[in-house]
Amino acid sequence: MSLVNIAFWALGVALIAAGYQRAKGPWSRYQALKEQDENIARYEAWRGGARDTSPTGASVAMEVLRRQAQRGGLIAIVGFVLVFLGFFFK
């Protein structure tokens, strides 16, 4: 086990933790907004009215939150790759 292995592992674990922290908040808020939007769609379908499909503030917020969660997930994936690569360097 060399210093390079330990550095890759440490950096990988740090990126996994950072990515998880960055993705956790936006993802939970995105899920709450998505659930609320689905409830509104069911209610409007029950009422029989046509639903307006133009972008709303909530749909824009959902897109922003989804992108933030994706970025956090990407950071965590890079961390997993670094941990995995740490096993191959000697």
Protein backbone atom coordinates (compact mmCIF):
# COMPACT_ATOMS: atom_id res chain seq x y z
CA MET A 1 0.00 0.00 0.00
CA SER A 2 1.58 3.21 -1.13
CA LEU A 3 0.92 6.85 -0.50
CA VAL A 4 -0.79 7.12 -3.90
CA ASN A 5 -3.36 4.46 -2.90
CA ILE A 6 -4.13 6.21 0.35
CA ALA A 7 -4.42 9.57 -1.39
CA PHE A 8 -6.88 8.17 -3.96
CA TRP A 9 -8.93 6.50 -1.23
CA ALA A 10 -9.00 9.59 0.98
CA LEU A 11 -9.92 11.89 -1.91
CA GLY A 12 -12.52 9.41 -3.12
CA VAL A 13 -14.17 9.13 0.30
CA ALA A 14 -14.15 12.91 0.66
CA LEU A 15 -15.80 13.32 -2.75
CA ILE A 16 -18.41 10.68 -1.94
CA ALA A 17 -19.30 12.49 1.29
CA ALA A 18 -19.35 15.89 -0.39
CA GLY A 19 -21.46 14.64 -3.29
CA TYR A 20 -23.94 13.02 -0.93
CA GLN A 21 -24.27 16.21 1.10
CA ARG A 22 -24.75 18.31 -2.05
CA ALA A 23 -27.38 15.97 -3.51
CA LYS A 24 -29.38 15.14 -0.39
CA GLY A 25 -31.15 18.48 0.15
CA PRO A 26 -32.11 19.29 -3.44
CA TRP A 27 -33.23 15.70 -4.10
CA SER A 28 -35.61 15.62 -1.13
CA ARG A 29 -37.07 19.01 -2.08
CA TYR A 30 -37.40 17.88 -5.71
CA GLN A 31 -39.31 14.77 -4.61
CA ALA A 32 -41.66 16.88 -2.47
CA LEU A 33 -42.39 19.27 -5.36
CA LYS A 34 -42.87 16.35 -7.75
CA GLU A 35 -45.35 14.71 -5.38
CA GLN A 36 -47.23 17.99 -5.00
CA ASP A 37 -47.36 18.44 -8.78
CA GLU A 38 -48.72 14.90 -9.21
CA ASN A 39 -51.41 15.60 -6.61
CA ILE A 40 -52.45 18.74 -8.48
CA ALA A 41 -52.58 16.80 -11.75
CA ARG A 42 -54.81 14.13 -10.17
CA TYR A 43 -57.10 16.76 -8.69
CA GLU A 44 -57.46 18.59 -11.99
CA ALA A 45 -58.10 15.31 -13.82
CA TRP A 46 -60.78 14.48 -11.24
CA ARG A 47 -62.36 17.91 -11.78
CA GLY A 48 -62.39 17.28 -15.50
CA GLY A 49 -60.58 20.47 -16.37
CA ALA A 50 -57.80 20.78 -18.89
CA ARG A 51 -54.44 21.31 -17.26
CA ASP A 52 -52.27 24.17 -18.40
CA THR A 53 -48.95 22.72 -19.59
CA SER A 54 -46.99 25.97 -19.66
CA PRO A 55 -43.96 26.18 -17.33
CA THR A 56 -44.71 27.25 -13.78
CA GLY A 57 -42.44 28.47 -11.03
CA ALA A 58 -42.61 25.05 -9.42
CA SER A 59 -41.62 23.27 -12.63
CA VAL A 60 -38.64 25.58 -13.06
CA ALA A 61 -37.64 25.01 -9.43
CA MET A 62 -37.96 21.24 -9.94
CA GLU A 63 -35.61 21.43 -12.92
CA VAL A 64 -33.05 23.46 -10.96
CA LEU A 65 -33.23 21.10 -7.98
CA ARG A 66 -32.91 18.05 -10.23
CA ARG A 67 -29.77 19.50 -11.85
CA GLN A 68 -28.28 20.28 -8.42
CA ALA A 69 -28.94 16.72 -7.27
CA GLN A 70 -27.41 15.36 -10.48
CA ARG A 71 -24.25 17.40 -9.92
CA GLY A 72 -23.97 16.07 -6.38
CA GLY A 73 -24.47 12.54 -7.67
CA LEU A 74 -21.78 13.07 -10.30
CA ILE A 75 -19.35 14.22 -7.61
CA ALA A 76 -20.11 11.07 -5.60
CA ILE A 77 -19.60 8.88 -8.68
CA VAL A 78 -16.20 10.47 -9.29
CA GLY A 79 -15.40 9.66 -5.66
CA PHE A 80 -16.35 6.00 -6.19
CA VAL A 81 -14.15 5.87 -9.27
CA LEU A 82 -11.20 7.29 -7.32
CA VAL A 83 -11.67 4.74 -4.54
CA PHE A 84 -11.83 1.99 -7.15
CA LEU A 85 -8.70 3.30 -8.91
CA GLY A 86 -6.91 3.39 -5.57
CA PHE A 87 -6.84 -0.40 -5.61
CA PHE A 88 -5.02 -0.55 -8.95
CA PHE A 89 -2.10 1.80 -8.37
CA LYS A 90 0.99 0.37 -6.73
